[in-house]
Protein backbone atom coordinates (compact mmCIF):
# COMPACT_ATOMS: atom_id res chain seq x y z
CA MET A 1 -17.33 19.48 13.82
CA PRO A 2 -15.18 17.19 11.68
CA ARG A 3 -11.44 17.82 11.53
CA PHE A 4 -9.46 17.65 8.27
CA VAL A 5 -6.15 15.84 8.82
CA PRO A 6 -3.11 16.04 6.49
CA ILE A 7 -0.65 13.26 5.75
CA PRO A 8 1.60 12.85 8.81
CA THR A 9 4.57 15.20 8.84
CA GLU A 10 7.06 12.38 9.47
CA ILE A 11 6.03 10.69 6.19
CA VAL A 12 6.26 13.98 4.30
CA ARG A 13 9.66 14.93 5.73
CA ALA A 14 11.06 11.49 4.83
CA CYS A 15 9.94 11.94 1.21
CA GLN A 16 11.21 15.53 1.07
CA ALA A 17 14.60 14.27 2.34
CA GLY A 18 14.88 11.73 -0.47
CA GLY A 19 13.13 8.74 1.12
CA VAL A 20 10.98 6.30 -0.80
CA ASP A 21 7.22 6.22 -1.32
CA SER A 22 4.67 3.47 -0.66
CA TYR A 23 6.03 1.49 -3.64
CA GLY A 24 9.64 1.78 -2.48
CA LEU A 25 10.42 4.27 -5.25
CA PHE A 26 11.99 7.70 -4.99
CA PRO A 27 9.45 10.50 -5.50
CA GLU A 28 9.59 12.22 -8.88
CA ARG A 29 10.73 15.84 -8.67
CA ARG A 30 8.73 18.24 -10.82
CA VAL A 31 7.89 21.93 -11.06
CA SER A 32 4.29 22.93 -10.44
CA ASP A 33 2.41 24.49 -13.34
CA GLY A 34 0.17 26.25 -10.82
CA GLY A 35 -2.93 24.30 -11.78
CA GLY A 36 -4.35 21.32 -9.84
CA ASN A 37 -1.28 20.37 -7.78
CA PRO A 38 -2.65 19.98 -4.24
CA CYS A 39 -0.11 19.28 -1.48
CA ARG A 40 -1.54 16.67 0.86
CA HIS A 41 0.49 18.04 3.79
CA CYS A 42 -0.03 21.83 3.88
CA LEU A 43 -3.40 21.29 2.15
CA ARG A 44 -2.72 24.20 -0.21
CA MET A 45 -2.16 24.31 -3.95
CA ILE A 46 1.52 24.19 -4.88
CA PRO A 47 2.27 27.56 -6.53
CA GLU A 48 3.38 27.84 -10.14
CA GLY A 49 7.15 27.45 -10.43
CA ALA A 50 7.54 25.79 -7.02
CA GLY A 51 9.17 22.39 -6.69
CA MET A 52 6.89 19.46 -6.02
CA LEU A 53 7.11 15.74 -5.45
CA VAL A 54 4.93 13.19 -7.22
CA LEU A 55 4.74 9.87 -5.39
CA ALA A 56 2.63 6.85 -4.52
CA HIS A 57 0.89 7.09 -1.15
CA ARG A 58 -1.13 4.53 0.79
CA PRO A 59 -3.10 6.34 3.54
CA PHE A 60 -3.55 3.16 5.57
CA GLY A 61 -1.47 1.55 8.31
CA SER A 62 -1.63 -2.00 7.00
CA LEU A 63 -1.64 -3.93 3.76
CA GLN A 64 -5.07 -5.37 3.10
CA PRO A 65 -7.47 -5.49 0.14
CA TYR A 66 -9.00 -2.08 0.86
CA ALA A 67 -5.67 -0.25 1.33
CA GLU A 68 -5.70 1.76 -1.88
CA THR A 69 -2.43 3.27 -3.09
CA GLY A 70 -2.37 6.15 -5.54
CA PRO A 71 -0.53 9.21 -6.78
CA ILE A 72 -0.29 12.39 -4.72
CA PHE A 73 1.62 15.69 -4.81
CA LEU A 74 3.68 17.20 -1.99
CA CYS A 75 5.63 20.45 -1.76
CA ALA A 76 9.29 19.63 -2.50
CA ASP A 77 10.41 21.94 0.31
CA ALA A 78 9.30 21.69 3.93
CA CYS A 79 5.80 23.06 4.46
CA GLU A 80 3.67 23.42 7.56
CA ALA A 81 0.95 20.84 8.18
CA GLY A 82 -2.49 22.13 7.30
CA GLY A 83 -5.79 20.91 8.63
CA GLY A 84 -8.46 21.84 11.10
CA GLU A 85 -12.21 22.41 10.92
CA GLU A 86 -12.23 24.49 7.72
CA VAL A 87 -12.51 22.75 4.34
CA PRO A 88 -8.95 22.83 2.97
CA GLU A 89 -7.93 24.99 0.01
CA ILE A 90 -7.00 21.89 -1.99
CA LEU A 91 -10.67 20.91 -2.26
CA ALA A 92 -11.30 23.21 -5.22
CA SER A 93 -13.15 20.89 -7.62
CA PRO A 94 -16.96 20.93 -7.84
CA ASP A 95 -17.37 17.61 -6.04
CA TYR A 96 -15.55 14.76 -4.28
CA ILE A 97 -16.07 11.22 -3.08
CA VAL A 98 -16.67 11.09 0.68
CA ARG A 99 -16.34 7.58 2.13
CA GLY A 100 -16.21 6.09 5.62
CA TYR A 101 -13.78 3.45 6.92
CA GLY A 102 -13.94 1.28 10.02
CA PRO A 103 -11.26 0.89 12.69
CA ASP A 104 -9.94 -2.04 10.61
CA GLU A 105 -9.31 0.47 7.76
CA ARG A 106 -11.87 -1.20 5.50
CA ILE A 107 -14.66 0.57 3.65
CA VAL A 108 -17.93 0.79 5.57
CA TYR A 109 -20.41 0.02 2.81
CA GLY A 110 -23.21 2.49 2.29
CA THR A 111 -21.12 5.49 3.36
CA GLY A 112 -19.56 6.46 0.03
CA GLY A 113 -20.89 8.91 -2.50
CA VAL A 114 -20.06 11.92 -4.64
CA VAL A 115 -20.76 15.12 -2.72
CA PRO A 116 -20.68 18.77 -3.85
CA THR A 117 -17.65 20.51 -2.30
CA GLY A 118 -19.82 22.85 -0.21
CA TRP A 119 -21.40 19.84 1.51
CA ILE A 120 -18.22 17.90 2.34
CA ALA A 121 -18.00 18.95 6.01
CA ALA A 122 -21.68 18.19 6.66
CA ARG A 123 -21.53 14.82 4.89
CA ALA A 124 -18.30 13.87 6.69
CA GLU A 125 -20.00 14.69 10.01
CA GLU A 126 -22.98 12.48 9.06
CA VAL A 127 -20.72 9.60 8.06
CA LEU A 128 -18.59 9.90 11.21
CA ALA A 129 -21.79 9.57 13.28
CA MET A 130 -22.63 6.22 11.65
CA PRO A 131 -21.97 3.01 13.58
CA GLY A 132 -18.63 1.41 12.78
CA VAL A 133 -17.06 4.45 11.09
CA ALA A 134 -13.66 5.47 12.48
CA PHE A 135 -12.60 8.01 9.83
CA VAL A 136 -13.49 9.37 6.41
CA HIS A 137 -11.50 9.88 3.22
CA VAL A 138 -12.17 12.65 0.75
CA ARG A 139 -11.11 11.48 -2.72
CA SER A 140 -11.21 12.88 -6.22
CA ALA A 141 -14.57 12.22 -7.87
CA ARG A 142 -12.83 11.89 -11.23
CA ASN A 143 -9.62 9.98 -10.47
CA ASN A 144 -10.23 8.53 -6.97
CA CYS A 145 -6.97 10.11 -5.71
CA PHE A 146 -6.74 10.50 -1.93
CA GLN A 147 -7.11 14.16 -0.89
CA VAL A 148 -7.47 14.33 2.89
CA ARG A 149 -8.55 12.30 5.91
CA VAL A 150 -11.40 13.51 8.12
CA GLU A 151 -11.77 12.60 11.78
CA ARG A 152 -14.11 13.52 14.59
CA GLY A 153 -13.31 16.97 16.00
């Protein structure tokens, strides 16, 4: 079974403590309206009225042409890391991009596609079984925003 993996807690805690994002900027502090504000750490929707951070995140270890950086939301206050074998609560849209990456953190061509939400776990498992795939990203099908990483269980 594939395992859904949140953004590392040490990155989240640094941002929650006032540290900078992937662009070297301080996260914006906002209040959640209760609609589509998925925290990429607890993997839950940020409740209406709760503080949230909006920041640039690059879910890759190195700078290279495929290391996409984009906007994400985090709970403003400390939250517990989510993840595991169940599809996370934040994946509430009808469909998502599921795409494989190699150990060099570059896209493995032929692995990406838009998948209905109910098929994400099965498709991630298929992609993870392909030669050269080290991990999978689930991204917004409409905005390409990073949602969650998927690894072998």
